[in-house]
C-alpha atoms as a PDB file:
ATOM      1  CA  ILE A   1     122.988 191.568 173.248  1.00  0.00           C
ATOM      2  CA  THR A   2     123.860 191.784 169.565  1.00  0.00           C
ATOM      3  CA  VAL A   3     122.479 194.648 167.536  1.00  0.00           C
ATOM      4  CA  ASN A   4     122.592 194.143 163.786  1.00  0.00           C
ATOM      5  CA  SER A   5     122.758 197.136 161.568  1.00  0.00           C
ATOM      6  CA  GLY A   6     119.774 197.376 159.297  1.00  0.00           C
ATOM      7  CA  ALA A   7     119.617 198.004 155.598  1.00  0.00           C
ATOM      8  CA  PHE A   8     118.453 201.342 154.301  1.00  0.00           C
ATOM      9  CA  ALA A   9     116.522 201.143 151.005  1.00  0.00           C
ATOM     10  CA  SER A  10     116.833 204.081 148.641  1.00  0.00           C
ATOM     11  CA  PHE A  11     116.605 204.523 144.863  1.00  0.00           C
ATOM     12  CA  ILE A  12     115.923 207.112 142.228  1.00  0.00           C
ATOM     13  CA  ASP A  13     114.623 206.962 138.681  1.00  0.00           C
ATOM     14  CA  PRO A  14     116.508 209.641 136.712  1.00  0.00           C
ATOM     15  CA  ASN A  15     113.813 209.377 134.039  1.00  0.00           C
ATOM     16  CA  SER A  16     110.990 210.046 136.488  1.00  0.00           C
ATOM     17  CA  VAL A  17     109.242 212.678 134.364  1.00  0.00           C
ATOM     18  CA  PRO A  18     105.975 211.190 133.046  1.00  0.00           C
ATOM     19  CA  GLU A  19     106.327 210.187 129.409  1.00  0.00           C
ATOM     20  CA  CYS A  20     104.701 208.114 126.715  1.00  0.00           C
ATOM     21  CA  SER A  21     104.743 204.363 126.609  1.00  0.00           C
ATOM     22  CA  PRO A  22     107.117 202.620 126.332  1.00  0.00           C
ATOM     23  CA  HIS A  23     108.851 204.329 129.253  1.00  0.00           C
ATOM     24  CA  THR A  24     112.327 203.143 130.299  1.00  0.00           C
ATOM     25  CA  SER A  25     113.370 203.484 133.919  1.00  0.00           C
ATOM     26  CA  ALA A  26     117.063 202.944 134.668  1.00  0.00           C
ATOM     27  CA  PHE A  27     116.929 202.770 138.448  1.00  0.00           C
ATOM     28  CA  ILE A  28     119.861 203.987 140.538  1.00  0.00           C
ATOM     29  CA  ASN A  29     120.157 202.038 143.780  1.00  0.00           C
ATOM     30  CA  ASN A  30     121.404 204.195 146.672  1.00  0.00           C
ATOM     31  CA  SER A  31     120.672 201.616 149.374  1.00  0.00           C
ATOM     32  CA  GLN A  32     123.096 201.183 152.271  1.00  0.00           C
ATOM     33  CA  ALA A  33     124.135 198.162 154.341  1.00  0.00           C
ATOM     34  CA  ALA A  34     122.203 195.769 152.119  1.00  0.00           C
ATOM     35  CA  VAL A  35     123.381 192.429 150.757  1.00  0.00           C
ATOM     36  CA  SER A  36     120.510 191.635 148.381  1.00  0.00           C
ATOM     37  CA  TYR A  37     117.569 193.350 146.756  1.00  0.00           C
ATOM     38  CA  LEU A  38     114.077 192.617 145.509  1.00  0.00           C
ATOM     39  CA  TRP A  39     112.476 195.022 143.071  1.00  0.00           C
ATOM     40  CA  ASP A  40     108.760 194.964 142.294  1.00  0.00           C
ATOM     41  CA  PHE A  41     108.048 197.203 139.301  1.00  0.00           C
ATOM     42  CA  GLY A  42     104.306 197.393 139.952  1.00  0.00           C
ATOM     43  CA  ASP A  43     103.356 195.817 136.616  1.00  0.00           C
ATOM     44  CA  GLY A  44     103.778 192.146 137.507  1.00  0.00           C
ATOM     45  CA  ASN A  45     107.543 192.053 136.910  1.00  0.00           C
ATOM     46  CA  THR A  46     110.323 191.749 139.498  1.00  0.00           C
ATOM     47  CA  SER A  47     114.121 191.715 139.638  1.00  0.00           C
ATOM     48  CA  THR A  48     116.905 190.910 142.076  1.00  0.00           C
ATOM     49  CA  GLU A  49     119.536 192.987 140.271  1.00  0.00           C
ATOM     50  CA  PHE A  50     121.330 195.774 142.106  1.00  0.00           C
ATOM     51  CA  ALA A  51     120.268 198.531 139.672  1.00  0.00           C
ATOM     52  CA  PRO A  52     117.896 197.186 137.017  1.00  0.00           C
ATOM     53  CA  THR A  53     116.488 198.853 133.934  1.00  0.00           C
ATOM     54  CA  HIS A  54     112.807 198.253 133.271  1.00  0.00           C
ATOM     55  CA  VAL A  55     110.513 199.156 130.377  1.00  0.00           C
ATOM     56  CA  TYR A  56     106.952 200.131 131.277  1.00  0.00           C
ATOM     57  CA  GLU A  57     104.236 199.570 128.668  1.00  0.00           C
ATOM     58  CA  ASN A  58     100.863 201.302 128.755  1.00  0.00           C
ATOM     59  CA  ASN A  59      98.553 200.132 125.986  1.00  0.00           C
ATOM     60  CA  THR A  60      95.382 201.409 127.643  1.00  0.00           C
ATOM     61  CA  THR A  61      93.639 204.712 127.040  1.00  0.00           C
ATOM     62  CA  LEU A  62      94.293 205.923 130.598  1.00  0.00           C
ATOM     63  CA  VAL A  63      97.355 207.263 132.377  1.00  0.00           C
ATOM     64  CA  GLY A  64      99.237 204.380 133.997  1.00  0.00           C
ATOM     65  CA  PHE A  65     100.455 204.628 137.592  1.00  0.00           C
ATOM     66  CA  PHE A  66     102.984 201.958 138.575  1.00  0.00           C
ATOM     67  CA  THR A  67     104.350 201.629 142.111  1.00  0.00           C
ATOM     68  CA  ALA A  68     107.999 200.564 141.929  1.00  0.00           C
ATOM     69  CA  SER A  69     109.227 199.211 145.249  1.00  0.00           C
ATOM     70  CA  LEU A  70     112.625 198.095 146.495  1.00  0.00           C
ATOM     71  CA  ILE A  71     113.263 195.828 149.469  1.00  0.00           C
ATOM     72  CA  ALA A  72     116.870 196.051 150.700  1.00  0.00           C
ATOM     73  CA  TYR A  73     117.867 192.975 152.729  1.00  0.00           C
ATOM     74  CA  SER A  74     120.550 193.113 155.401  1.00  0.00           C
ATOM     75  CA  THR A  75     122.522 190.182 156.822  1.00  0.00           C
ATOM     76  CA  GLY A  76     120.233 190.177 159.832  1.00  0.00           C
ATOM     77  CA  GLU A  77     116.504 190.650 160.171  1.00  0.00           C
ATOM     78  CA  CYS A  78     116.508 194.392 159.592  1.00  0.00           C
ATOM     79  CA  HIS A  79     115.215 194.986 156.065  1.00  0.00           C
ATOM     80  CA  ASP A  80     113.914 198.209 154.597  1.00  0.00           C
ATOM     81  CA  THR A  81     111.432 199.021 151.837  1.00  0.00           C
ATOM     82  CA  THR A  82     110.906 202.153 149.781  1.00  0.00           C
ATOM     83  CA  GLU A  83     108.709 202.927 146.782  1.00  0.00           C
ATOM     84  CA  GLN A  84     108.122 205.449 144.020  1.00  0.00           C
ATOM     85  CA  THR A  85     105.270 205.991 141.585  1.00  0.00           C
ATOM     86  CA  ILE A  86     106.114 205.810 137.883  1.00  0.00           C
ATOM     87  CA  VAL A  87     103.668 207.628 135.597  1.00  0.00           C
ATOM     88  CA  VAL A  88     103.351 206.416 132.002  1.00  0.00           C
ATOM     89  CA  PHE A  89     101.070 207.987 129.409  1.00  0.00           C
ATOM     90  CA  PRO A  90      99.223 205.647 127.040  1.00  0.00           C
ATOM     91  CA  SER A  91     100.927 205.026 123.731  1.00  0.00           C
ATOM     92  CA  ALA A  92      99.356 206.679 120.708  1.00  0.00           C
ATOM     93  CA  THR A  93      98.194 204.174 118.126  1.00  0.00           C
ATOM     94  CA  PHE A  94      96.517 205.285 114.908  1.00  0.00           C
ATOM     95  CA  ASN A  95      95.597 203.196 111.854  1.00  0.00           C
ATOM     96  CA  ILE A  96      94.379 204.103 108.376  1.00  0.00           C
ATOM     97  CA  ASP A  97      93.518 201.611 105.659  1.00  0.00           C
ATOM     98  CA  PHE A  98      92.822 202.721 102.103  1.00  0.00           C
ATOM     99  CA  ASN A  99      94.069 199.453 100.597  1.00  0.00           C
ATOM    100  CA  SER A 100      90.578 198.463  99.472  1.00  0.00           C
ATOM    101  CA  PHE A 101      89.967 201.862  97.833  1.00  0.00           C
ATOM    102  CA  THR A 102      90.363 202.397  94.100  1.00  0.00           C
ATOM    103  CA  GLY A 103      88.907 205.429  92.311  1.00  0.00           C
ATOM    104  CA  CYS A 104      89.001 207.191  88.973  1.00  0.00           C
ATOM    105  CA  SER A 105      90.793 210.507  88.569  1.00  0.00           C
ATOM    106  CA  PRO A 106      89.823 213.077  89.699  1.00  0.00           C
ATOM    107  CA  VAL A 107      88.409 211.660  92.929  1.00  0.00           C
ATOM    108  CA  GLU A 108      87.732 213.364  96.259  1.00  0.00           C
ATOM    109  CA  ILE A 109      88.532 211.196  99.283  1.00  0.00           C
ATOM    110  CA  PRO A 110      87.472 212.089 102.842  1.00  0.00           C
ATOM    111  CA  MET A 111      90.036 211.149 105.459  1.00  0.00           C
ATOM    112  CA  PRO A 112      88.723 209.040 108.370  1.00  0.00           C
ATOM    113  CA  LEU A 113      88.228 210.256 111.932  1.00  0.00           C
ATOM    114  CA  LEU A 114      91.077 208.965 114.085  1.00  0.00           C
ATOM    115  CA  THR A 115      89.959 208.950 117.701  1.00  0.00           C
ATOM    116  CA  GLY A 116      92.510 209.777 120.351  1.00  0.00           C
ATOM    117  CA  ALA A 117      94.318 212.349 118.218  1.00  0.00           C
ATOM    118  CA  ALA A 118      94.487 215.939 119.434  1.00  0.00           C
ATOM    119  CA  GLU A 119      96.842 217.170 116.687  1.00  0.00           C
ATOM    120  CA  PHE A 120      96.604 216.037 113.076  1.00  0.00           C
ATOM    121  CA  HIS A 121      99.090 215.991 110.207  1.00  0.00           C
ATOM    122  CA  TRP A 122      97.991 214.394 106.940  1.00  0.00           C
ATOM    123  CA  ILE A 123     100.508 213.914 104.128  1.00  0.00           C
ATOM    124  CA  PHE A 124      98.629 212.932 100.962  1.00  0.00           C
ATOM    125  CA  GLY A 125     101.539 211.561  98.926  1.00  0.00           C
ATOM    126  CA  ASP A 126     101.196 214.042  96.087  1.00  0.00           C
ATOM    127  CA  GLY A 127     102.931 217.011  97.717  1.00  0.00           C
ATOM    128  CA  ALA A 128      99.849 218.276  99.578  1.00  0.00           C
ATOM    129  CA  GLU A 129      99.209 218.073 103.307  1.00  0.00           C
ATOM    130  CA  SER A 130      96.666 219.180 105.900  1.00  0.00           C
ATOM    131  CA  PHE A 131      96.543 219.824 109.636  1.00  0.00           C
ATOM    132  CA  GLU A 132      92.755 219.451 109.854  1.00  0.00           C
ATOM    133  CA  ALA A 133      91.046 216.631 111.738  1.00  0.00           C
ATOM    134  CA  LEU A 134      88.796 215.535 108.853  1.00  0.00           C
ATOM    135  CA  PRO A 135      90.169 216.844 105.581  1.00  0.00           C
ATOM    136  CA  THR A 136      89.125 215.746 102.129  1.00  0.00           C
ATOM    137  CA  HIS A 137      91.626 215.530  99.297  1.00  0.00           C
ATOM    138  CA  ILE A 138      91.237 215.424  95.530  1.00  0.00           C
ATOM    139  CA  TYR A 139      93.559 212.990  93.781  1.00  0.00           C
ATOM    140  CA  GLN A 140      94.325 213.386  90.083  1.00  0.00           C
ATOM    141  CA  THR A 141      96.540 211.499  87.683  1.00  0.00           C
ATOM    142  CA  THR A 142      97.218 211.387  83.969  1.00  0.00           C
ATOM    143  CA  LEU A 143      98.701 207.910  84.231  1.00  0.00           C
ATOM    144  CA  PRO A 144      96.610 204.792  83.581  1.00  0.00           C
ATOM    145  CA  ILE A 145      97.103 203.857  87.268  1.00  0.00           C
ATOM    146  CA  ASP A 146      98.834 205.733  90.069  1.00  0.00           C
ATOM    147  CA  THR A 147      99.479 204.892  93.740  1.00  0.00           C
ATOM    148  CA  PHE A 148      99.777 207.540  96.451  1.00  0.00           C
ATOM    149  CA  GLU A 149     101.004 206.777  99.970  1.00  0.00           C
ATOM    150  CA  VAL A 150      98.889 208.598 102.547  1.00  0.00           C
ATOM    151  CA  SER A 151     100.622 209.217 105.886  1.00  0.00           C
ATOM    152  CA  PHE A 152      99.066 210.363 109.131  1.00  0.00           C
ATOM    153  CA  ILE A 153     101.078 211.696 112.067  1.00  0.00           C
ATOM    154  CA  GLY A 154      98.887 212.039 115.124  1.00  0.00           C
ATOM    155  CA  THR A 155      99.599 213.446 118.562  1.00  0.00           C
ATOM    156  CA  SER A 156      97.508 212.542 121.618  1.00  0.00           C
ATOM    157  CA  VAL A 157      96.491 214.917 124.407  1.00  0.00           C
ATOM    158  CA  PHE A 158      99.500 213.563 126.347  1.00  0.00           C
ATOM    159  CA  GLY A 159     101.935 214.548 123.578  1.00  0.00           C
ATOM    160  CA  CYS A 160     102.458 210.965 122.389  1.00  0.00           C
ATOM    161  CA  THR A 161     102.832 210.532 118.625  1.00  0.00           C
ATOM    162  CA  ASP A 162     102.272 207.756 116.133  1.00  0.00           C
ATOM    163  CA  THR A 163     102.619 207.546 112.357  1.00  0.00           C
ATOM    164  CA  THR A 164     100.601 205.299 110.078  1.00  0.00           C
ATOM    165  CA  HIS A 165     100.564 204.817 106.290  1.00  0.00           C
ATOM    166  CA  SER A 166      98.263 203.412 103.628  1.00  0.00           C
ATOM    167  CA  SER A 167      98.106 203.526  99.838  1.00  0.00           C
ATOM    168  CA  VAL A 168      95.399 204.955  97.603  1.00  0.00           C
ATOM    169  CA  ILE A 169      95.129 203.630  94.044  1.00  0.00           C
ATOM    170  CA  ILE A 170      93.853 206.118  91.469  1.00  0.00           C
ATOM    171  CA  LEU A 171      92.942 205.089  87.951  1.00  0.00           C
ATOM    172  CA  GLY A 172      93.419 207.567  85.139  1.00  0.00           C
ATOM    173  CA  GLY A 173      90.096 208.986  84.029  1.00  0.00           C
ATOM    174  CA  PRO A 174      88.804 208.467  80.486  1.00  0.00           C
ATOM    175  CA  THR A 175      89.916 210.978  77.867  1.00  0.00           C
ATOM    176  CA  ALA A 176      87.244 211.961  75.351  1.00  0.00           C
ATOM    177  CA  SER A 177      88.621 212.489  71.867  1.00  0.00           C
ATOM    178  CA  PHE A 178      87.323 212.444  68.323  1.00  0.00           C
ATOM    179  CA  SER A 179      88.280 213.632  64.888  1.00  0.00           C
ATOM    180  CA  ILE A 180      86.450 214.225  61.650  1.00  0.00           C
ATOM    181  CA  ASP A 181      87.646 213.717  58.127  1.00  0.00           C
ATOM    182  CA  HIS A 182      85.772 216.718  56.663  1.00  0.00           C
ATOM    183  CA  THR A 183      85.290 220.151  58.159  1.00  0.00           C
ATOM    184  CA  ASP A 184      82.735 221.369  55.632  1.00  0.00           C
ATOM    185  CA  GLY A 185      80.320 219.957  53.102  1.00  0.00           C
ATOM    186  CA  CYS A 186      76.848 220.107  51.622  1.00  0.00           C
ATOM    187  CA  GLU A 187      73.720 218.641  53.039  1.00  0.00           C
ATOM    188  CA  PRO A 188      73.386 215.677  53.513  1.00  0.00           C
ATOM    189  CA  ALA A 189      76.970 215.526  54.806  1.00  0.00           C
ATOM    190  CA  SER A 190      78.658 212.304  55.794  1.00  0.00           C
ATOM    191  CA  VAL A 191      81.174 212.370  58.664  1.00  0.00           C
ATOM    192  CA  VAL A 192      83.264 209.297  59.284  1.00  0.00           C
END
């Protein structure tokens, strides 16, 4: 009777703390008595490398749970399988678009509601900023036309951040001015 030694499958993900997408797992293979390997990353991707690195993407609005499994193959029929769950928070994605907005100075602009944000940081491009969810901002300029870049840095409930930018075009407001050629006179007075 011949008894073949079996493979023992074992691995760790040193970056196993849940984090925001994209999440990189650099797997460390601690398997013993194995001659080949098959990794299933739980997201439709596989590898036969000894110790692969894999990037997990989560573009949903829910927490992603991926079951990474490793099959360690021995020279005989004694194979072993082990698995680990990889937790990936959804990526934060925020967009603002003021490119179609043009207003005359001074103009008050309400910032849009950006769903999915739990923390808000608006940078208005003129030195002012706000940490409110729905701030309004008054833009003023003395130039004939001025462009301000509005930036938004948002943080999701999972601690994931994203930054987005858009420009606001502000036209200089009209300036009322007049002069008279006489400051006094008799009735009927003529002012030109």
